[in-house]
Amino acid sequence: EGLWTAPTDEALKKDIELSMACGYNGARLHQKVFEPRFLYWADKLGYLVWGESPNWGFSFKPEGYAGYINEWTEILLRDRNHPSIVGWSAFNETDWTVAGELQQLMWNLTKVIDPTRPALETSGWTHTIPNPEVWDAHDYDGNPATFRERWMGNLSVTSADRSMPARYRSLKLPRSGSDRGIPFMVSEIGGIGWATEGGW
């Protein structure tokens, strides 16, 4: 009833319960700072979430940094004591050629305010942190077979012998050495629609 704003506290709780009934144990709270009551219910129900900030259309010019830095600082200070939050991402799909400086500044600010959780400088785009704690990607492939092959590869190969998916190995990341050991997730998937006839 409220689009971005839940009409009641019970509705916030129900969203989490419905998600968990579908088999999900958490969600990336995408492009929205969620209500403290949502985080309260996530804490109570054991639902894991990533804290994010809306930034679509944000101008990455230095004169705009202060407002964004102040808002992100308020978000971190307000929400960092919620055990349901397992990570932070200040940006979504930003282009490092225009946002790299601010991405790294925000990542460092995040780690100063909350050193206990992993952080992404941006979700699903070009990662620029020299020694990242975690990487992610976005993939809307609706075909389970091609999705699995792209991200899981040859499952007969032991995990110790597998490296980052080829899509990420080809990126010019500012990091030397092996990428093994860095947690990796596909943090946006699906959401387009269900195949209702024919299937794959």
C-alpha atoms as a PDB file:
ATOM      1  CA  GLU A   1       0.000   0.000   0.000  1.00  0.00           C
ATOM      2  CA  GLY A   2       2.902   2.364   0.450  1.00  0.00           C
ATOM      3  CA  LEU A   3       5.253   1.373  -2.392  1.00  0.00           C
ATOM      4  CA  TRP A   4       8.602   2.039  -0.669  1.00  0.00           C
ATOM      5  CA  THR A   5       7.002   2.606   2.748  1.00  0.00           C
ATOM      6  CA  ALA A   6       5.354  -0.267   4.589  1.00  0.00           C
ATOM      7  CA  PRO A   7       1.871   0.565   5.883  1.00  0.00           C
ATOM      8  CA  THR A   8       2.336  -1.186   9.246  1.00  0.00           C
ATOM      9  CA  ASP A   9       4.870  -2.837  11.495  1.00  0.00           C
ATOM     10  CA  GLU A  10       3.107  -6.136  10.854  1.00  0.00           C
ATOM     11  CA  ALA A  11       3.659  -5.685   7.107  1.00  0.00           C
ATOM     12  CA  LEU A  12       7.414  -5.350   7.670  1.00  0.00           C
ATOM     13  CA  LYS A  13       7.431  -8.559   9.678  1.00  0.00           C
ATOM     14  CA  LYS A  14       5.247 -10.325   7.097  1.00  0.00           C
ATOM     15  CA  ASP A  15       7.666  -9.464   4.255  1.00  0.00           C
ATOM     16  CA  ILE A  16      10.432 -11.278   6.109  1.00  0.00           C
ATOM     17  CA  GLU A  17       8.205 -14.230   7.002  1.00  0.00           C
ATOM     18  CA  LEU A  18       7.088 -14.636   3.377  1.00  0.00           C
ATOM     19  CA  SER A  19      10.683 -14.519   2.166  1.00  0.00           C
ATOM     20  CA  MET A  20      11.744 -17.112   4.728  1.00  0.00           C
ATOM     21  CA  ALA A  21       8.763 -19.315   3.806  1.00  0.00           C
ATOM     22  CA  CYS A  22      10.130 -19.327   0.240  1.00  0.00           C
ATOM     23  CA  GLY A  23      13.435 -20.655   1.551  1.00  0.00           C
ATOM     24  CA  TYR A  24      15.483 -17.451   1.731  1.00  0.00           C
ATOM     25  CA  ASN A  25      17.547 -16.726   4.820  1.00  0.00           C
ATOM     26  CA  GLY A  26      18.263 -13.118   3.907  1.00  0.00           C
ATOM     27  CA  ALA A  27      18.322 -10.382   1.289  1.00  0.00           C
ATOM     28  CA  ARG A  28      20.381  -7.582  -0.092  1.00  0.00           C
ATOM     29  CA  LEU A  29      18.363  -4.499   0.871  1.00  0.00           C
ATOM     30  CA  HIS A  30      18.755  -2.964  -2.532  1.00  0.00           C
ATOM     31  CA  GLN A  31      18.893   0.803  -3.104  1.00  0.00           C
ATOM     32  CA  LYS A  32      16.970   1.598   0.066  1.00  0.00           C
ATOM     33  CA  VAL A  33      17.739   2.384   3.686  1.00  0.00           C
ATOM     34  CA  PHE A  34      15.326   0.124   5.511  1.00  0.00           C
ATOM     35  CA  GLU A  35      13.228   1.134   8.480  1.00  0.00           C
ATOM     36  CA  PRO A  36      14.634   0.394  11.943  1.00  0.00           C
ATOM     37  CA  ARG A  37      11.527  -1.750  12.565  1.00  0.00           C
ATOM     38  CA  PHE A  38      12.364  -3.904   9.541  1.00  0.00           C
ATOM     39  CA  LEU A  39      15.846  -4.411  10.963  1.00  0.00           C
ATOM     40  CA  TYR A  40      14.313  -5.151  14.366  1.00  0.00           C
ATOM     41  CA  TRP A  41      12.240  -7.970  12.848  1.00  0.00           C
ATOM     42  CA  ALA A  42      15.224  -9.196  10.832  1.00  0.00           C
ATOM     43  CA  ASP A  43      17.171  -9.401  14.113  1.00  0.00           C
ATOM     44  CA  LYS A  44      14.334 -11.223  15.887  1.00  0.00           C
ATOM     45  CA  LEU A  45      13.604 -13.668  13.048  1.00  0.00           C
ATOM     46  CA  GLY A  46      17.226 -14.417  12.109  1.00  0.00           C
ATOM     47  CA  TYR A  47      17.031 -12.855   8.636  1.00  0.00           C
ATOM     48  CA  LEU A  48      20.406 -11.730   7.232  1.00  0.00           C
ATOM     49  CA  VAL A  49      20.661  -8.481   5.259  1.00  0.00           C
ATOM     50  CA  TRP A  50      23.157  -6.157   3.572  1.00  0.00           C
ATOM     51  CA  GLY A  51      22.895  -2.470   4.448  1.00  0.00           C
ATOM     52  CA  GLU A  52      22.778  -0.173   1.415  1.00  0.00           C
ATOM     53  CA  SER A  53      22.153   3.378   0.394  1.00  0.00           C
ATOM     54  CA  PRO A  54      20.097   4.648  -2.542  1.00  0.00           C
ATOM     55  CA  ASN A  55      22.335   6.403  -5.043  1.00  0.00           C
ATOM     56  CA  TRP A  56      20.794   6.030  -8.479  1.00  0.00           C
ATOM     57  CA  GLY A  57      21.460   9.186 -10.462  1.00  0.00           C
ATOM     58  CA  PHE A  58      23.937  10.498  -7.896  1.00  0.00           C
ATOM     59  CA  SER A  59      26.411  13.015  -9.287  1.00  0.00           C
ATOM     60  CA  PHE A  60      29.986  11.960  -8.591  1.00  0.00           C
ATOM     61  CA  LYS A  61      31.384  15.473  -8.592  1.00  0.00           C
ATOM     62  CA  PRO A  62      33.435  16.452  -5.518  1.00  0.00           C
ATOM     63  CA  GLU A  63      31.046  19.270  -4.626  1.00  0.00           C
ATOM     64  CA  GLY A  64      28.384  16.605  -3.970  1.00  0.00           C
ATOM     65  CA  TYR A  65      30.504  14.409  -1.695  1.00  0.00           C
ATOM     66  CA  ALA A  66      29.691  16.076   1.634  1.00  0.00           C
ATOM     67  CA  GLY A  67      25.956  15.390   1.595  1.00  0.00           C
ATOM     68  CA  TYR A  68      26.432  11.766   0.616  1.00  0.00           C
ATOM     69  CA  ILE A  69      29.200  11.224   3.185  1.00  0.00           C
ATOM     70  CA  ASN A  70      27.034  12.736   5.927  1.00  0.00           C
ATOM     71  CA  GLU A  71      24.016  10.581   5.042  1.00  0.00           C
ATOM     72  CA  TRP A  72      26.063   7.372   4.841  1.00  0.00           C
ATOM     73  CA  THR A  73      27.677   8.163   8.198  1.00  0.00           C
ATOM     74  CA  GLU A  74      24.211   8.586   9.769  1.00  0.00           C
ATOM     75  CA  ILE A  75      23.075   5.270   8.273  1.00  0.00           C
ATOM     76  CA  LEU A  76      26.106   3.406   9.602  1.00  0.00           C
ATOM     77  CA  LEU A  77      25.844   4.924  13.075  1.00  0.00           C
ATOM     78  CA  ARG A  78      22.117   4.265  13.281  1.00  0.00           C
ATOM     79  CA  ASP A  79      22.152   0.668  12.046  1.00  0.00           C
ATOM     80  CA  ARG A  80      25.527  -0.849  12.914  1.00  0.00           C
ATOM     81  CA  ASN A  81      24.244  -2.496  16.114  1.00  0.00           C
ATOM     82  CA  HIS A  82      21.694  -4.656  14.276  1.00  0.00           C
ATOM     83  CA  PRO A  83      23.036  -8.235  14.246  1.00  0.00           C
ATOM     84  CA  SER A  84      20.969  -8.988  11.119  1.00  0.00           C
ATOM     85  CA  ILE A  85      23.230  -6.742   9.014  1.00  0.00           C
ATOM     86  CA  VAL A  86      26.073  -8.863   7.648  1.00  0.00           C
ATOM     87  CA  GLY A  87      27.665  -6.358   5.264  1.00  0.00           C
ATOM     88  CA  TRP A  88      27.573  -2.869   3.760  1.00  0.00           C
ATOM     89  CA  SER A  89      27.484  -1.465   0.246  1.00  0.00           C
ATOM     90  CA  ALA A  90      27.421   2.289  -0.206  1.00  0.00           C
ATOM     91  CA  PHE A  91      26.933   2.134  -3.990  1.00  0.00           C
ATOM     92  CA  ASN A  92      25.300   0.033  -6.672  1.00  0.00           C
ATOM     93  CA  GLU A  93      26.692  -0.459 -10.194  1.00  0.00           C
ATOM     94  CA  THR A  94      28.795   2.675 -10.265  1.00  0.00           C
ATOM     95  CA  ASP A  95      31.452   3.290 -12.884  1.00  0.00           C
ATOM     96  CA  TRP A  96      34.889   3.544 -11.291  1.00  0.00           C
ATOM     97  CA  THR A  97      36.077   5.970 -13.967  1.00  0.00           C
ATOM     98  CA  VAL A  98      33.839   8.657 -12.448  1.00  0.00           C
ATOM     99  CA  ALA A  99      33.164   7.244  -8.989  1.00  0.00           C
ATOM    100  CA  GLY A 100      36.395   5.486  -8.015  1.00  0.00           C
ATOM    101  CA  GLU A 101      37.616   8.220  -5.685  1.00  0.00           C
ATOM    102  CA  LEU A 102      34.321   8.461  -3.807  1.00  0.00           C
ATOM    103  CA  GLN A 103      33.858   4.666  -3.749  1.00  0.00           C
ATOM    104  CA  GLN A 104      37.189   4.196  -2.018  1.00  0.00           C
ATOM    105  CA  LEU A 105      36.575   7.104   0.347  1.00  0.00           C
ATOM    106  CA  MET A 106      33.203   5.623   1.355  1.00  0.00           C
ATOM    107  CA  TRP A 107      34.652   2.131   1.761  1.00  0.00           C
ATOM    108  CA  ASN A 108      37.325   3.473   4.111  1.00  0.00           C
ATOM    109  CA  LEU A 109      34.747   5.498   6.049  1.00  0.00           C
ATOM    110  CA  THR A 110      32.599   2.371   6.388  1.00  0.00           C
ATOM    111  CA  LYS A 111      35.520   0.379   7.780  1.00  0.00           C
ATOM    112  CA  VAL A 112      36.332   3.125  10.310  1.00  0.00           C
ATOM    113  CA  ILE A 113      32.748   3.277  11.592  1.00  0.00           C
ATOM    114  CA  ASP A 114      32.132  -0.474  11.433  1.00  0.00           C
ATOM    115  CA  PRO A 115      35.286  -2.598  11.146  1.00  0.00           C
ATOM    116  CA  THR A 116      33.346  -5.754  12.095  1.00  0.00           C
ATOM    117  CA  ARG A 117      31.556  -6.374   8.771  1.00  0.00           C
ATOM    118  CA  PRO A 118      32.674  -6.811   5.161  1.00  0.00           C
ATOM    119  CA  ALA A 119      32.004  -3.949   2.791  1.00  0.00           C
ATOM    120  CA  LEU A 120      31.735  -3.516  -0.963  1.00  0.00           C
ATOM    121  CA  GLU A 121      32.750  -0.215  -2.511  1.00  0.00           C
ATOM    122  CA  THR A 122      30.053  -0.845  -5.127  1.00  0.00           C
ATOM    123  CA  SER A 123      27.825  -3.792  -5.812  1.00  0.00           C
ATOM    124  CA  GLY A 124      27.936  -5.602  -9.108  1.00  0.00           C
ATOM    125  CA  TRP A 125      30.247  -3.421 -11.135  1.00  0.00           C
ATOM    126  CA  THR A 126      33.915  -2.550 -11.219  1.00  0.00           C
ATOM    127  CA  HIS A 127      35.620  -3.224  -7.915  1.00  0.00           C
ATOM    128  CA  THR A 128      38.522  -0.910  -7.130  1.00  0.00           C
ATOM    129  CA  ILE A 129      39.677  -1.769  -3.591  1.00  0.00           C
ATOM    130  CA  PRO A 130      43.262  -3.117  -3.798  1.00  0.00           C
ATOM    131  CA  ASN A 131      42.752  -5.787  -1.111  1.00  0.00           C
ATOM    132  CA  PRO A 132      39.018  -6.546  -1.044  1.00  0.00           C
ATOM    133  CA  GLU A 133      37.219  -8.543   1.617  1.00  0.00           C
ATOM    134  CA  VAL A 134      34.477  -9.650  -0.744  1.00  0.00           C
ATOM    135  CA  TRP A 135      33.473  -9.388  -4.411  1.00  0.00           C
ATOM    136  CA  ASP A 136      30.122  -9.662  -6.107  1.00  0.00           C
ATOM    137  CA  ALA A 137      28.482  -9.600  -9.516  1.00  0.00           C
ATOM    138  CA  HIS A 138      24.987  -9.190 -10.949  1.00  0.00           C
ATOM    139  CA  ASP A 139      23.618 -11.752 -13.394  1.00  0.00           C
ATOM    140  CA  TYR A 140      20.067 -11.915 -14.739  1.00  0.00           C
ATOM    141  CA  ASP A 141      20.441 -15.123 -16.730  1.00  0.00           C
ATOM    142  CA  GLY A 142      17.143 -16.949 -16.293  1.00  0.00           C
ATOM    143  CA  ASN A 143      18.499 -20.277 -17.533  1.00  0.00           C
ATOM    144  CA  PRO A 144      19.654 -22.378 -14.561  1.00  0.00           C
ATOM    145  CA  ALA A 145      21.994 -24.527 -16.680  1.00  0.00           C
ATOM    146  CA  THR A 146      23.964 -21.656 -18.233  1.00  0.00           C
ATOM    147  CA  PHE A 147      23.939 -19.712 -14.971  1.00  0.00           C
ATOM    148  CA  ARG A 148      25.346 -22.703 -13.080  1.00  0.00           C
ATOM    149  CA  GLU A 149      28.014 -23.359 -15.704  1.00  0.00           C
ATOM    150  CA  ARG A 150      29.116 -19.730 -15.759  1.00  0.00           C
ATOM    151  CA  TRP A 151      29.503 -19.390 -12.002  1.00  0.00           C
ATOM    152  CA  MET A 152      30.157 -22.916 -10.800  1.00  0.00           C
ATOM    153  CA  GLY A 153      32.100 -24.291 -13.774  1.00  0.00           C
ATOM    154  CA  ASN A 154      33.337 -27.847 -13.558  1.00  0.00           C
ATOM    155  CA  LEU A 155      32.052 -29.075 -10.211  1.00  0.00           C
ATOM    156  CA  SER A 156      34.377 -32.077 -10.325  1.00  0.00           C
ATOM    157  CA  VAL A 157      37.277 -29.695  -9.763  1.00  0.00           C
ATOM    158  CA  THR A 158      37.974 -29.188  -6.081  1.00  0.00           C
ATOM    159  CA  SER A 159      37.240 -25.743  -4.705  1.00  0.00           C
ATOM    160  CA  ALA A 160      40.936 -25.275  -3.947  1.00  0.00           C
ATOM    161  CA  ASP A 161      41.716 -25.649  -7.666  1.00  0.00           C
ATOM    162  CA  ARG A 162      38.976 -23.325  -8.890  1.00  0.00           C
ATOM    163  CA  SER A 163      39.689 -19.646  -9.352  1.00  0.00           C
ATOM    164  CA  MET A 164      37.428 -16.641  -9.767  1.00  0.00           C
ATOM    165  CA  PRO A 165      34.922 -16.986 -12.621  1.00  0.00           C
ATOM    166  CA  ALA A 166      36.402 -16.000 -15.979  1.00  0.00           C
ATOM    167  CA  ARG A 167      34.220 -12.879 -16.114  1.00  0.00           C
ATOM    168  CA  TYR A 168      36.069 -11.528 -13.096  1.00  0.00           C
ATOM    169  CA  ARG A 169      39.515 -12.904 -13.924  1.00  0.00           C
ATOM    170  CA  SER A 170      39.466 -10.746 -17.055  1.00  0.00           C
ATOM    171  CA  LEU A 171      38.890  -7.502 -15.152  1.00  0.00           C
ATOM    172  CA  LYS A 172      41.786  -5.166 -14.559  1.00  0.00           C
ATOM    173  CA  LEU A 173      41.579  -5.235 -10.777  1.00  0.00           C
ATOM    174  CA  PRO A 174      44.129  -3.200  -8.805  1.00  0.00           C
ATOM    175  CA  ARG A 175      45.302  -6.277  -6.944  1.00  0.00           C
ATOM    176  CA  SER A 176      48.225  -8.597  -7.488  1.00  0.00           C
ATOM    177  CA  GLY A 177      48.397 -12.307  -6.864  1.00  0.00           C
ATOM    178  CA  SER A 178      45.686 -14.927  -6.679  1.00  0.00           C
ATOM    179  CA  ASP A 179      42.045 -14.077  -6.152  1.00  0.00           C
ATOM    180  CA  ARG A 180      41.404 -17.305  -4.260  1.00  0.00           C
ATOM    181  CA  GLY A 181      40.115 -17.004  -0.757  1.00  0.00           C
ATOM    182  CA  ILE A 182      38.031 -13.890  -1.370  1.00  0.00           C
ATOM    183  CA  PRO A 183      34.329 -14.581  -0.769  1.00  0.00           C
ATOM    184  CA  PHE A 184      32.332 -14.087  -3.951  1.00  0.00           C
ATOM    185  CA  MET A 185      28.571 -13.850  -4.455  1.00  0.00           C
ATOM    186  CA  VAL A 186      26.105 -13.145  -7.212  1.00  0.00           C
ATOM    187  CA  SER A 187      24.155 -10.482  -5.359  1.00  0.00           C
ATOM    188  CA  GLU A 188      21.502  -9.737  -7.977  1.00  0.00           C
ATOM    189  CA  ILE A 189      19.767 -12.559  -9.770  1.00  0.00           C
ATOM    190  CA  GLY A 190      16.379 -13.113 -11.334  1.00  0.00           C
ATOM    191  CA  GLY A 191      13.637 -10.655 -10.582  1.00  0.00           C
ATOM    192  CA  ILE A 192      12.585 -10.396 -14.201  1.00  0.00           C
ATOM    193  CA  GLY A 193       9.852 -13.024 -14.322  1.00  0.00           C
ATOM    194  CA  TRP A 194       9.112 -16.735 -14.159  1.00  0.00           C
ATOM    195  CA  ALA A 195       9.043 -19.003 -17.216  1.00  0.00           C
ATOM    196  CA  THR A 196       5.407 -20.117 -17.272  1.00  0.00           C
ATOM    197  CA  GLU A 197       5.428 -22.449 -20.260  1.00  0.00           C
ATOM    198  CA  GLY A 198       7.934 -24.547 -22.099  1.00  0.00           C
ATOM    199  CA  GLY A 199      10.673 -24.332 -19.488  1.00  0.00           C
ATOM    200  CA  TRP A 200      14.290 -25.158 -20.196  1.00  0.00           C
END
